[in-house]
Amino acid sequence: MIVRSPFVKLVITGVLIFGVVVIALNFISYSRNLNDFEFIDDNNAYVIPNRDGDALIRIKADVKSNSKPATLYLNNGKMDIPEVRIRTYMISINHVQDHNILIREVGEGNFNILLLHGQSFSSKTWENIGTLQYLASWGYRAFAIDLPGYGNSSLPVVQEIEGAQWLTRLIRTLRLSNFVIISPSMSGRFSIPYIMQSHTNQQLIRGFIPISPVGTNNFQTTDYEKVKIPTLIVHGERDKKFQSAIQSLKQIPSSQILTIKNASHACYIDQPLDFHNELRQFLYTVYRPIYIEQYKQRSLANATSSSSENLNTSQNKISSNLTSNRKHFQSKQSI
């Protein structure tokens, strides 16, 4: 029979206390981290040269910042558009030869923006006014596309009744989730039907920005009332033709209206600075809560994993000490 000395009991008790303290400290650390989500360091910040190519300007991703996004201002009457590499390529979503669509992609990350365009424009427009570049600098991943029959797209024009199905195939091909759709004018015949059929899938689409879109008269008030997606309704102050569209979209419960002053139908082109500032604020309000929740989940998982590892280490130490003491006493008994 092995008799445990007071020294052995003291060692075992000490190891157990150590394990409990380590677990407690991990959870205390986790609780404190819940109130501090600004953990980006300079290595993860976007590095963008200014217009003159002098000192580097570091721009942190808006969603990961504790403070609200800064307001953009004109510099000598011009916008300082960041220098961002735009990846341009063609994809096929219909599996038909020579039926390709052009994509302009920027940025990285899990927060995606899909930009459609109006009848007189193309995906190039979003590059020309700097929207793609700004989105990348704010920490988003953006995709601007040429709709069928426009720009560099080699697809035939899609009929209105097929718009939602075509957009669904595009989103699946790009493997988009957690995204916001920006849809001006003509592109409403793609986005509005898609929004109507997607109102129950909140994990897929996070927000909607219609800019004086067409196709709103095809749905009833009850249809708009079912949409739960945060929506920023944008229109120009001088754009009187699309007032009926604004009235229809106002029926979306989680909607807000942005009237851009001194702007016509293509208000985001007439006043790009005002549009970009409001876009930045809207995306922050949409994605910030999602980022916080994801950060909490990661922190909890890391704390649980760390506590489990520390507990296993403590148990191994106890087992090792017991084995060592057992061998010691057995050795003494044999003598």
C-alpha atoms as a PDB file:
ATOM      1  CA  MET A   1       0.000   0.000   0.000  1.00  0.00           C
ATOM      2  CA  ILE A   2       1.339   3.350  -0.976  1.00  0.00           C
ATOM      3  CA  VAL A   3       1.158   6.059   1.683  1.00  0.00           C
ATOM      4  CA  ARG A   4       1.051   9.587   0.304  1.00  0.00           C
ATOM      5  CA  SER A   5       3.084  12.061   2.273  1.00  0.00           C
ATOM      6  CA  PRO A   6       1.854  15.612   3.053  1.00  0.00           C
ATOM      7  CA  PHE A   7       4.369  16.842   0.493  1.00  0.00           C
ATOM      8  CA  VAL A   8       2.707  14.845  -2.299  1.00  0.00           C
ATOM      9  CA  LYS A   9      -0.721  16.092  -1.291  1.00  0.00           C
ATOM     10  CA  LEU A  10       0.580  19.651  -1.306  1.00  0.00           C
ATOM     11  CA  VAL A  11       2.009  19.223  -4.825  1.00  0.00           C
ATOM     12  CA  ILE A  12      -1.267  17.806  -6.165  1.00  0.00           C
ATOM     13  CA  THR A  13      -3.295  20.585  -4.555  1.00  0.00           C
ATOM     14  CA  GLY A  14      -0.938  23.219  -5.982  1.00  0.00           C
ATOM     15  CA  VAL A  15      -1.212  21.831  -9.515  1.00  0.00           C
ATOM     16  CA  LEU A  16      -5.016  21.783  -9.321  1.00  0.00           C
ATOM     17  CA  ILE A  17      -5.133  25.369  -8.057  1.00  0.00           C
ATOM     18  CA  PHE A  18      -2.793  26.411 -10.873  1.00  0.00           C
ATOM     19  CA  GLY A  19      -5.108  24.870 -13.475  1.00  0.00           C
ATOM     20  CA  VAL A  20      -8.183  26.616 -12.052  1.00  0.00           C
ATOM     21  CA  VAL A  21      -6.377  29.978 -11.991  1.00  0.00           C
ATOM     22  CA  VAL A  22      -5.266  29.602 -15.638  1.00  0.00           C
ATOM     23  CA  ILE A  23      -8.843  28.852 -16.760  1.00  0.00           C
ATOM     24  CA  ALA A  24     -10.206  31.827 -14.809  1.00  0.00           C
ATOM     25  CA  LEU A  25      -7.612  34.198 -16.284  1.00  0.00           C
ATOM     26  CA  ASN A  26      -8.462  33.063 -19.827  1.00  0.00           C
ATOM     27  CA  PHE A  27     -12.144  33.837 -19.381  1.00  0.00           C
ATOM     28  CA  ILE A  28     -11.383  37.192 -17.751  1.00  0.00           C
ATOM     29  CA  SER A  29      -9.214  38.053 -20.735  1.00  0.00           C
ATOM     30  CA  TYR A  30     -12.009  37.021 -23.121  1.00  0.00           C
ATOM     31  CA  SER A  31     -14.553  39.209 -21.282  1.00  0.00           C
ATOM     32  CA  ARG A  32     -12.291  42.226 -21.550  1.00  0.00           C
ATOM     33  CA  ASN A  33     -11.721  41.633 -25.248  1.00  0.00           C
ATOM     34  CA  LEU A  34     -15.448  41.802 -25.952  1.00  0.00           C
ATOM     35  CA  ASN A  35     -15.296  45.541 -25.343  1.00  0.00           C
ATOM     36  CA  ASP A  36     -12.262  46.108 -27.529  1.00  0.00           C
ATOM     37  CA  PHE A  37     -12.555  45.170 -31.175  1.00  0.00           C
ATOM     38  CA  GLU A  38      -9.749  47.352 -32.527  1.00  0.00           C
ATOM     39  CA  PHE A  39      -7.007  44.823 -32.933  1.00  0.00           C
ATOM     40  CA  ILE A  40      -5.692  45.702 -36.381  1.00  0.00           C
ATOM     41  CA  ASP A  41      -1.999  46.430 -36.455  1.00  0.00           C
ATOM     42  CA  ASP A  42      -0.048  48.321 -39.103  1.00  0.00           C
ATOM     43  CA  ASN A  43       0.782  45.102 -40.907  1.00  0.00           C
ATOM     44  CA  ASN A  44      -2.889  44.613 -41.742  1.00  0.00           C
ATOM     45  CA  ALA A  45      -3.581  48.211 -42.709  1.00  0.00           C
ATOM     46  CA  TYR A  46      -3.973  49.174 -46.321  1.00  0.00           C
ATOM     47  CA  VAL A  47      -0.951  51.112 -47.575  1.00  0.00           C
ATOM     48  CA  ILE A  48      -1.851  53.611 -50.260  1.00  0.00           C
ATOM     49  CA  PRO A  49       0.394  56.339 -51.744  1.00  0.00           C
ATOM     50  CA  ASN A  50      -1.082  59.802 -51.951  1.00  0.00           C
ATOM     51  CA  ARG A  51      -1.570  61.692 -55.194  1.00  0.00           C
ATOM     52  CA  ASP A  52       1.966  63.119 -55.132  1.00  0.00           C
ATOM     53  CA  GLY A  53       3.576  59.786 -54.311  1.00  0.00           C
ATOM     54  CA  ASP A  54       5.174  61.128 -51.118  1.00  0.00           C
ATOM     55  CA  ALA A  55       4.390  59.809 -47.629  1.00  0.00           C
ATOM     56  CA  LEU A  56       2.293  56.659 -47.390  1.00  0.00           C
ATOM     57  CA  ILE A  57      -1.230  56.947 -46.063  1.00  0.00           C
ATOM     58  CA  ARG A  58      -2.399  53.992 -43.964  1.00  0.00           C
ATOM     59  CA  ILE A  59      -6.111  53.349 -44.179  1.00  0.00           C
ATOM     60  CA  LYS A  60      -7.604  50.796 -41.795  1.00  0.00           C
ATOM     61  CA  ALA A  61     -10.625  48.710 -42.722  1.00  0.00           C
ATOM     62  CA  ASP A  62     -13.718  50.621 -41.580  1.00  0.00           C
ATOM     63  CA  VAL A  63     -15.549  47.607 -40.223  1.00  0.00           C
ATOM     64  CA  LYS A  64     -12.699  46.758 -37.837  1.00  0.00           C
ATOM     65  CA  SER A  65     -12.371  50.283 -36.499  1.00  0.00           C
ATOM     66  CA  ASN A  66     -13.856  51.348 -33.157  1.00  0.00           C
ATOM     67  CA  SER A  67     -14.552  54.836 -34.494  1.00  0.00           C
ATOM     68  CA  LYS A  68     -17.021  55.731 -37.235  1.00  0.00           C
ATOM     69  CA  PRO A  69     -15.601  56.194 -40.733  1.00  0.00           C
ATOM     70  CA  ALA A  70     -13.957  59.494 -41.527  1.00  0.00           C
ATOM     71  CA  THR A  71     -15.589  61.900 -43.969  1.00  0.00           C
ATOM     72  CA  LEU A  72     -14.023  62.337 -47.391  1.00  0.00           C
ATOM     73  CA  TYR A  73     -13.183  65.858 -48.565  1.00  0.00           C
ATOM     74  CA  LEU A  74     -12.119  67.370 -51.856  1.00  0.00           C
ATOM     75  CA  ASN A  75      -8.454  68.214 -52.303  1.00  0.00           C
ATOM     76  CA  ASN A  76      -8.100  71.342 -54.467  1.00  0.00           C
ATOM     77  CA  GLY A  77     -11.513  70.605 -55.911  1.00  0.00           C
ATOM     78  CA  LYS A  78     -10.706  66.963 -56.700  1.00  0.00           C
ATOM     79  CA  MET A  79     -11.255  63.643 -54.966  1.00  0.00           C
ATOM     80  CA  ASP A  80      -8.151  61.792 -53.777  1.00  0.00           C
ATOM     81  CA  ILE A  81      -8.940  58.398 -55.269  1.00  0.00           C
ATOM     82  CA  PRO A  82      -6.710  55.679 -53.766  1.00  0.00           C
ATOM     83  CA  GLU A  83      -4.391  53.732 -56.036  1.00  0.00           C
ATOM     84  CA  VAL A  84      -5.719  50.186 -55.975  1.00  0.00           C
ATOM     85  CA  ARG A  85      -5.001  47.286 -58.315  1.00  0.00           C
ATOM     86  CA  ILE A  86      -8.169  46.322 -60.176  1.00  0.00           C
ATOM     87  CA  ARG A  87      -8.335  42.711 -61.371  1.00  0.00           C
ATOM     88  CA  THR A  88     -10.226  42.395 -64.669  1.00  0.00           C
ATOM     89  CA  TYR A  89     -11.309  39.046 -66.102  1.00  0.00           C
ATOM     90  CA  MET A  90     -14.098  37.265 -67.984  1.00  0.00           C
ATOM     91  CA  ILE A  91     -16.337  34.483 -66.667  1.00  0.00           C
ATOM     92  CA  SER A  92     -19.114  32.365 -68.123  1.00  0.00           C
ATOM     93  CA  ILE A  93     -22.241  31.653 -66.126  1.00  0.00           C
ATOM     94  CA  ASN A  94     -24.389  30.046 -68.831  1.00  0.00           C
ATOM     95  CA  HIS A  95     -21.858  27.370 -69.846  1.00  0.00           C
ATOM     96  CA  VAL A  96     -22.221  28.563 -73.431  1.00  0.00           C
ATOM     97  CA  GLN A  97     -19.159  29.270 -75.581  1.00  0.00           C
ATOM     98  CA  ASP A  98     -18.579  32.971 -76.299  1.00  0.00           C
ATOM     99  CA  HIS A  99     -21.168  33.986 -73.703  1.00  0.00           C
ATOM    100  CA  ASN A 100     -18.899  35.720 -71.199  1.00  0.00           C
ATOM    101  CA  ILE A 101     -19.260  38.539 -68.721  1.00  0.00           C
ATOM    102  CA  LEU A 102     -16.604  41.018 -67.661  1.00  0.00           C
ATOM    103  CA  ILE A 103     -15.745  41.370 -63.953  1.00  0.00           C
ATOM    104  CA  ARG A 104     -13.722  44.098 -62.258  1.00  0.00           C
ATOM    105  CA  GLU A 105     -12.655  42.939 -58.799  1.00  0.00           C
ATOM    106  CA  VAL A 106     -10.820  44.742 -56.008  1.00  0.00           C
ATOM    107  CA  GLY A 107      -9.970  44.176 -52.356  1.00  0.00           C
ATOM    108  CA  GLU A 108     -10.016  41.152 -50.088  1.00  0.00           C
ATOM    109  CA  GLY A 109     -11.989  39.894 -47.135  1.00  0.00           C
ATOM    110  CA  ASN A 110     -15.383  38.452 -46.235  1.00  0.00           C
ATOM    111  CA  PHE A 111     -17.518  41.561 -46.765  1.00  0.00           C
ATOM    112  CA  ASN A 112     -18.535  41.679 -50.420  1.00  0.00           C
ATOM    113  CA  ILE A 113     -20.081  44.421 -52.553  1.00  0.00           C
ATOM    114  CA  LEU A 114     -21.731  43.684 -55.916  1.00  0.00           C
ATOM    115  CA  LEU A 115     -22.031  46.706 -58.211  1.00  0.00           C
ATOM    116  CA  LEU A 116     -24.453  46.718 -61.143  1.00  0.00           C
ATOM    117  CA  HIS A 117     -24.839  49.646 -63.565  1.00  0.00           C
ATOM    118  CA  GLY A 118     -27.353  51.785 -65.454  1.00  0.00           C
ATOM    119  CA  GLN A 119     -28.291  51.641 -69.128  1.00  0.00           C
ATOM    120  CA  SER A 120     -25.825  54.307 -70.307  1.00  0.00           C
ATOM    121  CA  PHE A 121     -22.927  52.960 -68.265  1.00  0.00           C
ATOM    122  CA  SER A 122     -20.855  49.853 -67.496  1.00  0.00           C
ATOM    123  CA  SER A 123     -18.601  48.369 -64.818  1.00  0.00           C
ATOM    124  CA  LYS A 124     -15.924  50.855 -65.918  1.00  0.00           C
ATOM    125  CA  THR A 125     -18.045  53.673 -64.491  1.00  0.00           C
ATOM    126  CA  TRP A 126     -17.406  52.456 -60.922  1.00  0.00           C
ATOM    127  CA  GLU A 127     -13.680  52.635 -61.602  1.00  0.00           C
ATOM    128  CA  ASN A 128     -13.896  56.074 -63.214  1.00  0.00           C
ATOM    129  CA  ILE A 129     -15.601  57.689 -60.220  1.00  0.00           C
ATOM    130  CA  GLY A 130     -13.401  55.791 -57.731  1.00  0.00           C
ATOM    131  CA  THR A 131     -16.034  53.600 -56.062  1.00  0.00           C
ATOM    132  CA  LEU A 132     -14.075  50.385 -56.562  1.00  0.00           C
ATOM    133  CA  GLN A 133     -10.889  51.958 -55.240  1.00  0.00           C
ATOM    134  CA  TYR A 134     -12.580  53.457 -52.185  1.00  0.00           C
ATOM    135  CA  LEU A 135     -14.319  50.182 -51.310  1.00  0.00           C
ATOM    136  CA  ALA A 136     -11.003  48.328 -51.371  1.00  0.00           C
ATOM    137  CA  SER A 137      -9.327  50.981 -49.220  1.00  0.00           C
ATOM    138  CA  TRP A 138     -12.150  50.757 -46.669  1.00  0.00           C
ATOM    139  CA  GLY A 139     -11.619  47.018 -46.316  1.00  0.00           C
ATOM    140  CA  TYR A 140     -14.264  45.559 -48.621  1.00  0.00           C
ATOM    141  CA  ARG A 141     -14.078  43.173 -51.552  1.00  0.00           C
ATOM    142  CA  ALA A 142     -15.994  44.543 -54.536  1.00  0.00           C
ATOM    143  CA  PHE A 143     -17.180  43.149 -57.863  1.00  0.00           C
ATOM    144  CA  ALA A 144     -18.367  45.425 -60.678  1.00  0.00           C
ATOM    145  CA  ILE A 145     -19.904  43.607 -63.635  1.00  0.00           C
ATOM    146  CA  ASP A 146     -21.046  44.344 -67.175  1.00  0.00           C
ATOM    147  CA  LEU A 147     -24.683  43.279 -67.407  1.00  0.00           C
ATOM    148  CA  PRO A 148     -25.819  41.192 -70.408  1.00  0.00           C
ATOM    149  CA  GLY A 149     -25.883  43.252 -73.586  1.00  0.00           C
ATOM    150  CA  TYR A 150     -23.807  46.099 -72.107  1.00  0.00           C
ATOM    151  CA  GLY A 151     -20.142  47.045 -71.836  1.00  0.00           C
ATOM    152  CA  ASN A 152     -17.757  44.213 -72.671  1.00  0.00           C
ATOM    153  CA  SER A 153     -20.289  41.509 -71.939  1.00  0.00           C
ATOM    154  CA  SER A 154     -20.826  39.100 -74.830  1.00  0.00           C
ATOM    155  CA  LEU A 155     -24.115  37.829 -73.405  1.00  0.00           C
ATOM    156  CA  PRO A 156     -27.390  38.637 -75.152  1.00  0.00           C
ATOM    157  CA  VAL A 157     -29.832  40.964 -73.418  1.00  0.00           C
ATOM    158  CA  VAL A 158     -31.727  39.165 -70.663  1.00  0.00           C
ATOM    159  CA  GLN A 159     -35.494  39.633 -70.569  1.00  0.00           C
ATOM    160  CA  GLU A 160     -36.955  41.204 -67.444  1.00  0.00           C
ATOM    161  CA  ILE A 161     -38.687  38.037 -66.269  1.00  0.00           C
ATOM    162  CA  GLU A 162     -35.313  36.245 -66.354  1.00  0.00           C
ATOM    163  CA  GLY A 163     -33.359  38.972 -64.548  1.00  0.00           C
ATOM    164  CA  ALA A 164     -33.551  37.478 -61.058  1.00  0.00           C
ATOM    165  CA  GLN A 165     -32.592  34.001 -62.288  1.00  0.00           C
ATOM    166  CA  TRP A 166     -29.612  35.390 -64.186  1.00  0.00           C
ATOM    167  CA  LEU A 167     -28.431  37.387 -61.168  1.00  0.00           C
ATOM    168  CA  THR A 168     -28.804  34.309 -58.969  1.00  0.00           C
ATOM    169  CA  ARG A 169     -26.551  32.306 -61.300  1.00  0.00           C
ATOM    170  CA  LEU A 170     -23.994  35.108 -61.313  1.00  0.00           C
ATOM    171  CA  ILE A 171     -23.913  35.258 -57.498  1.00  0.00           C
ATOM    172  CA  ARG A 172     -23.484  31.491 -57.293  1.00  0.00           C
ATOM    173  CA  THR A 173     -20.715  31.544 -59.891  1.00  0.00           C
ATOM    174  CA  LEU A 174     -18.844  34.234 -57.941  1.00  0.00           C
ATOM    175  CA  ARG A 175     -19.604  32.308 -54.714  1.00  0.00           C
ATOM    176  CA  LEU A 176     -20.801  35.475 -53.060  1.00  0.00           C
ATOM    177  CA  SER A 177     -22.210  35.577 -49.555  1.00  0.00           C
ATOM    178  CA  ASN A 178     -22.420  38.241 -46.907  1.00  0.00           C
ATOM    179  CA  PHE A 179     -22.822  40.854 -49.663  1.00  0.00           C
ATOM    180  CA  VAL A 180     -24.509  44.178 -50.467  1.00  0.00           C
ATOM    181  CA  ILE A 181     -25.969  44.988 -53.899  1.00  0.00           C
ATOM    182  CA  ILE A 182     -25.624  48.471 -55.385  1.00  0.00           C
ATOM    183  CA  SER A 183     -28.124  48.825 -58.228  1.00  0.00           C
ATOM    184  CA  PRO A 184     -28.690  52.006 -60.292  1.00  0.00           C
ATOM    185  CA  SER A 185     -31.510  52.620 -62.756  1.00  0.00           C
ATOM    186  CA  MET A 186     -31.822  49.904 -65.445  1.00  0.00           C
ATOM    187  CA  SER A 187     -30.197  47.243 -63.255  1.00  0.00           C
ATOM    188  CA  GLY A 188     -33.289  47.375 -61.033  1.00  0.00           C
ATOM    189  CA  ARG A 189     -34.924  44.857 -63.334  1.00  0.00           C
ATOM    190  CA  PHE A 190     -32.285  42.396 -62.130  1.00  0.00           C
ATOM    191  CA  SER A 191     -31.951  43.420 -58.482  1.00  0.00           C
ATOM    192  CA  ILE A 192     -35.548  44.208 -57.449  1.00  0.00           C
ATOM    193  CA  PRO A 193     -36.937  40.737 -58.341  1.00  0.00           C
ATOM    194  CA  TYR A 194     -33.865  39.138 -56.750  1.00  0.00           C
ATOM    195  CA  ILE A 195     -34.421  41.075 -53.517  1.00  0.00           C
ATOM    196  CA  MET A 196     -38.071  40.061 -53.452  1.00  0.00           C
ATOM    197  CA  GLN A 197     -37.260  36.374 -53.673  1.00  0.00           C
ATOM    198  CA  SER A 198     -34.287  36.601 -51.299  1.00  0.00           C
ATOM    199  CA  HIS A 199     -35.859  38.416 -48.348  1.00  0.00           C
ATOM    200  CA  THR A 200     -35.736  35.292 -46.183  1.00  0.00           C
ATOM    201  CA  ASN A 201     -32.039  34.587 -46.799  1.00  0.00           C
ATOM    202  CA  GLN A 202     -30.429  37.159 -44.510  1.00  0.00           C
ATOM    203  CA  GLN A 203     -27.149  35.224 -44.290  1.00  0.00           C
ATOM    204  CA  LEU A 204     -26.597  35.597 -48.026  1.00  0.00           C
ATOM    205  CA  ILE A 205     -27.455  39.255 -48.700  1.00  0.00           C
ATOM    206  CA  ARG A 206     -26.778  41.887 -46.048  1.00  0.00           C
ATOM    207  CA  GLY A 207     -27.901  45.132 -47.669  1.00  0.00           C
ATOM    208  CA  PHE A 208     -29.408  46.777 -50.733  1.00  0.00           C
ATOM    209  CA  ILE A 209     -28.664  50.184 -52.302  1.00  0.00           C
ATOM    210  CA  PRO A 210     -31.114  50.973 -55.124  1.00  0.00           C
ATOM    211  CA  ILE A 211     -30.358  54.216 -56.993  1.00  0.00           C
ATOM    212  CA  SER A 212     -33.546  55.399 -58.776  1.00  0.00           C
ATOM    213  CA  PRO A 213     -34.145  51.842 -60.059  1.00  0.00           C
ATOM    214  CA  VAL A 214     -36.623  50.672 -62.665  1.00  0.00           C
ATOM    215  CA  GLY A 215     -38.987  47.755 -62.133  1.00  0.00           C
ATOM    216  CA  THR A 216     -40.490  48.841 -58.818  1.00  0.00           C
ATOM    217  CA  ASN A 217     -44.047  48.986 -60.190  1.00  0.00           C
ATOM    218  CA  ASN A 218     -44.065  45.230 -60.730  1.00  0.00           C
ATOM    219  CA  PHE A 219     -44.583  44.553 -57.016  1.00  0.00           C
ATOM    220  CA  GLN A 220     -47.200  45.362 -54.405  1.00  0.00           C
ATOM    221  CA  THR A 221     -46.849  47.129 -51.052  1.00  0.00           C
ATOM    222  CA  THR A 222     -47.143  43.791 -49.247  1.00  0.00           C
ATOM    223  CA  ASP A 223     -44.139  42.509 -51.222  1.00  0.00           C
ATOM    224  CA  TYR A 224     -41.948  45.391 -50.072  1.00  0.00           C
ATOM    225  CA  GLU A 225     -43.116  45.033 -46.484  1.00  0.00           C
ATOM    226  CA  LYS A 226     -41.726  41.491 -46.390  1.00  0.00           C
ATOM    227  CA  VAL A 227     -38.185  42.625 -47.235  1.00  0.00           C
ATOM    228  CA  LYS A 228     -36.053  42.665 -44.072  1.00  0.00           C
ATOM    229  CA  ILE A 229     -32.789  43.691 -45.718  1.00  0.00           C
ATOM    230  CA  PRO A 230     -31.294  47.062 -44.650  1.00  0.00           C
ATOM    231  CA  THR A 231     -31.863  49.356 -47.632  1.00  0.00           C
ATOM    232  CA  LEU A 232     -30.418  52.749 -48.587  1.00  0.00           C
ATOM    233  CA  ILE A 233     -32.681  54.368 -51.197  1.00  0.00           C
ATOM    234  CA  VAL A 234     -30.649  56.877 -53.229  1.00  0.00           C
ATOM    235  CA  HIS A 235     -31.971  59.460 -55.672  1.00  0.00           C
ATOM    236  CA  GLY A 236     -31.015  62.846 -57.067  1.00  0.00           C
ATOM    237  CA  GLU A 237     -32.781  66.004 -55.936  1.00  0.00           C
ATOM    238  CA  ARG A 238     -33.630  66.910 -59.544  1.00  0.00           C
ATOM    239  CA  ASP A 239     -34.703  63.400 -60.539  1.00  0.00           C
ATOM    240  CA  LYS A 240     -38.480  63.845 -60.554  1.00  0.00           C
ATOM    241  CA  LYS A 241     -39.212  60.962 -62.930  1.00  0.00           C
ATOM    242  CA  PHE A 242     -38.398  58.267 -60.360  1.00  0.00           C
ATOM    243  CA  GLN A 243     -40.416  59.596 -57.422  1.00  0.00           C
ATOM    244  CA  SER A 244     -42.861  56.679 -57.756  1.00  0.00           C
ATOM    245  CA  ALA A 245     -39.960  54.247 -57.385  1.00  0.00           C
ATOM    246  CA  ILE A 246     -38.908  55.996 -54.179  1.00  0.00           C
ATOM    247  CA  GLN A 247     -42.438  55.748 -52.785  1.00  0.00           C
ATOM    248  CA  SER A 248     -42.527  52.009 -53.488  1.00  0.00           C
ATOM    249  CA  LEU A 249     -39.129  51.314 -51.932  1.00  0.00           C
ATOM    250  CA  LYS A 250     -40.075  53.316 -48.822  1.00  0.00           C
ATOM    251  CA  GLN A 251     -42.370  50.436 -47.886  1.00  0.00           C
ATOM    252  CA  ILE A 252     -39.318  48.331 -46.984  1.00  0.00           C
ATOM    253  CA  PRO A 253     -39.334  48.471 -43.155  1.00  0.00           C
ATOM    254  CA  SER A 254     -35.565  48.794 -42.664  1.00  0.00           C
ATOM    255  CA  SER A 255     -35.065  51.467 -45.325  1.00  0.00           C
ATOM    256  CA  GLN A 256     -33.713  55.001 -45.292  1.00  0.00           C
ATOM    257  CA  ILE A 257     -33.668  57.637 -48.020  1.00  0.00           C
ATOM    258  CA  LEU A 258     -30.657  59.567 -49.278  1.00  0.00           C
ATOM    259  CA  THR A 259     -31.452  62.605 -51.426  1.00  0.00           C
ATOM    260  CA  ILE A 260     -28.307  63.875 -53.131  1.00  0.00           C
ATOM    261  CA  LYS A 261     -28.593  67.619 -53.657  1.00  0.00           C
ATOM    262  CA  ASN A 262     -27.856  69.294 -56.990  1.00  0.00           C
ATOM    263  CA  ALA A 263     -27.967  65.925 -58.738  1.00  0.00           C
ATOM    264  CA  SER A 264     -30.059  64.391 -61.505  1.00  0.00           C
ATOM    265  CA  HIS A 265     -30.844  60.756 -62.325  1.00  0.00           C
ATOM    266  CA  ALA A 266     -27.208  59.550 -62.240  1.00  0.00           C
ATOM    267  CA  CYS A 267     -26.743  61.262 -58.873  1.00  0.00           C
ATOM    268  CA  TYR A 268     -23.775  59.117 -57.831  1.00  0.00           C
ATOM    269  CA  ILE A 269     -21.896  60.428 -60.877  1.00  0.00           C
ATOM    270  CA  ASP A 270     -23.067  64.044 -60.502  1.00  0.00           C
ATOM    271  CA  GLN A 271     -21.996  64.208 -56.848  1.00  0.00           C
ATOM    272  CA  PRO A 272     -19.584  61.297 -56.228  1.00  0.00           C
ATOM    273  CA  LEU A 273     -18.187  62.745 -52.993  1.00  0.00           C
ATOM    274  CA  ASP A 274     -21.613  62.904 -51.315  1.00  0.00           C
ATOM    275  CA  PHE A 275     -22.462  59.444 -52.612  1.00  0.00           C
ATOM    276  CA  HIS A 276     -19.234  57.875 -51.357  1.00  0.00           C
ATOM    277  CA  ASN A 277     -19.532  59.421 -47.899  1.00  0.00           C
ATOM    278  CA  GLU A 278     -23.068  58.091 -47.442  1.00  0.00           C
ATOM    279  CA  LEU A 279     -22.123  54.729 -48.928  1.00  0.00           C
ATOM    280  CA  ARG A 280     -19.258  54.419 -46.463  1.00  0.00           C
ATOM    281  CA  GLN A 281     -21.495  55.182 -43.474  1.00  0.00           C
ATOM    282  CA  PHE A 282     -24.209  52.759 -44.622  1.00  0.00           C
ATOM    283  CA  LEU A 283     -21.782  49.876 -45.124  1.00  0.00           C
ATOM    284  CA  TYR A 284     -20.308  50.549 -41.683  1.00  0.00           C
ATOM    285  CA  THR A 285     -23.726  50.286 -40.028  1.00  0.00           C
ATOM    286  CA  VAL A 286     -24.504  47.082 -41.950  1.00  0.00           C
ATOM    287  CA  TYR A 287     -21.246  45.215 -41.446  1.00  0.00           C
ATOM    288  CA  ARG A 288     -19.989  46.470 -38.079  1.00  0.00           C
ATOM    289  CA  PRO A 289     -22.474  44.413 -35.965  1.00  0.00           C
ATOM    290  CA  ILE A 290     -21.703  41.330 -38.074  1.00  0.00           C
ATOM    291  CA  TYR A 291     -17.976  41.816 -37.558  1.00  0.00           C
ATOM    292  CA  ILE A 292     -18.419  42.229 -33.784  1.00  0.00           C
ATOM    293  CA  GLU A 293     -20.453  39.023 -33.554  1.00  0.00           C
ATOM    294  CA  GLN A 294     -17.886  37.104 -35.601  1.00  0.00           C
ATOM    295  CA  TYR A 295     -15.088  38.480 -33.418  1.00  0.00           C
ATOM    296  CA  LYS A 296     -16.926  37.412 -30.254  1.00  0.00           C
ATOM    297  CA  GLN A 297     -17.355  33.908 -31.603  1.00  0.00           C
ATOM    298  CA  ARG A 298     -13.671  33.672 -32.543  1.00  0.00           C
ATOM    299  CA  SER A 299     -12.596  35.002 -29.154  1.00  0.00           C
ATOM    300  CA  LEU A 300     -14.826  32.549 -27.310  1.00  0.00           C
ATOM    301  CA  ALA A 301     -13.561  29.650 -29.414  1.00  0.00           C
ATOM    302  CA  ASN A 302      -9.946  30.677 -28.778  1.00  0.00           C
ATOM    303  CA  ALA A 303     -10.553  31.082 -25.035  1.00  0.00           C
ATOM    304  CA  THR A 304     -12.264  27.687 -24.807  1.00  0.00           C
ATOM    305  CA  SER A 305      -9.483  26.041 -26.812  1.00  0.00           C
ATOM    306  CA  SER A 306      -6.777  27.676 -24.670  1.00  0.00           C
ATOM    307  CA  SER A 307      -8.522  26.695 -21.441  1.00  0.00           C
ATOM    308  CA  SER A 308      -8.878  23.126 -22.628  1.00  0.00           C
ATOM    309  CA  GLU A 309      -5.188  22.963 -23.553  1.00  0.00           C
ATOM    310  CA  ASN A 310      -4.146  24.402 -20.180  1.00  0.00           C
ATOM    311  CA  LEU A 311      -6.411  21.959 -18.353  1.00  0.00           C
ATOM    312  CA  ASN A 312      -4.936  19.039 -20.282  1.00  0.00           C
ATOM    313  CA  THR A 313      -1.439  20.302 -19.463  1.00  0.00           C
ATOM    314  CA  SER A 314      -2.324  20.502 -15.767  1.00  0.00           C
ATOM    315  CA  GLN A 315      -3.805  17.000 -15.822  1.00  0.00           C
ATOM    316  CA  ASN A 316      -0.691  15.671 -17.516  1.00  0.00           C
ATOM    317  CA  LYS A 317       1.494  17.293 -14.877  1.00  0.00           C
ATOM    318  CA  ILE A 318      -0.602  15.753 -12.103  1.00  0.00           C
ATOM    319  CA  SER A 319      -0.429  12.338 -13.739  1.00  0.00           C
ATOM    320  CA  SER A 320       3.320  12.683 -14.226  1.00  0.00           C
ATOM    321  CA  ASN A 321       3.846  13.714 -10.593  1.00  0.00           C
ATOM    322  CA  LEU A 322       1.730  10.843  -9.307  1.00  0.00           C
ATOM    323  CA  THR A 323       3.632   8.356 -11.446  1.00  0.00           C
ATOM    324  CA  SER A 324       6.942   9.743 -10.258  1.00  0.00           C
ATOM    325  CA  ASN A 325       5.890   9.631  -6.588  1.00  0.00           C
ATOM    326  CA  ARG A 326       4.491   6.123  -6.988  1.00  0.00           C
ATOM    327  CA  LYS A 327       7.786   4.917  -8.403  1.00  0.00           C
ATOM    328  CA  HIS A 328       9.624   6.671  -5.568  1.00  0.00           C
ATOM    329  CA  PHE A 329       7.580   4.987  -2.860  1.00  0.00           C
ATOM    330  CA  GLN A 330       7.734   1.610  -4.598  1.00  0.00           C
ATOM    331  CA  SER A 331      11.495   1.957  -4.714  1.00  0.00           C
ATOM    332  CA  LYS A 332      11.633   2.716  -0.979  1.00  0.00           C
ATOM    333  CA  GLN A 333       9.404  -0.263  -0.185  1.00  0.00           C
ATOM    334  CA  SER A 334      11.569  -2.634  -2.200  1.00  0.00           C
ATOM    335  CA  ILE A 335      14.581  -1.504  -0.210  1.00  0.00           C
END
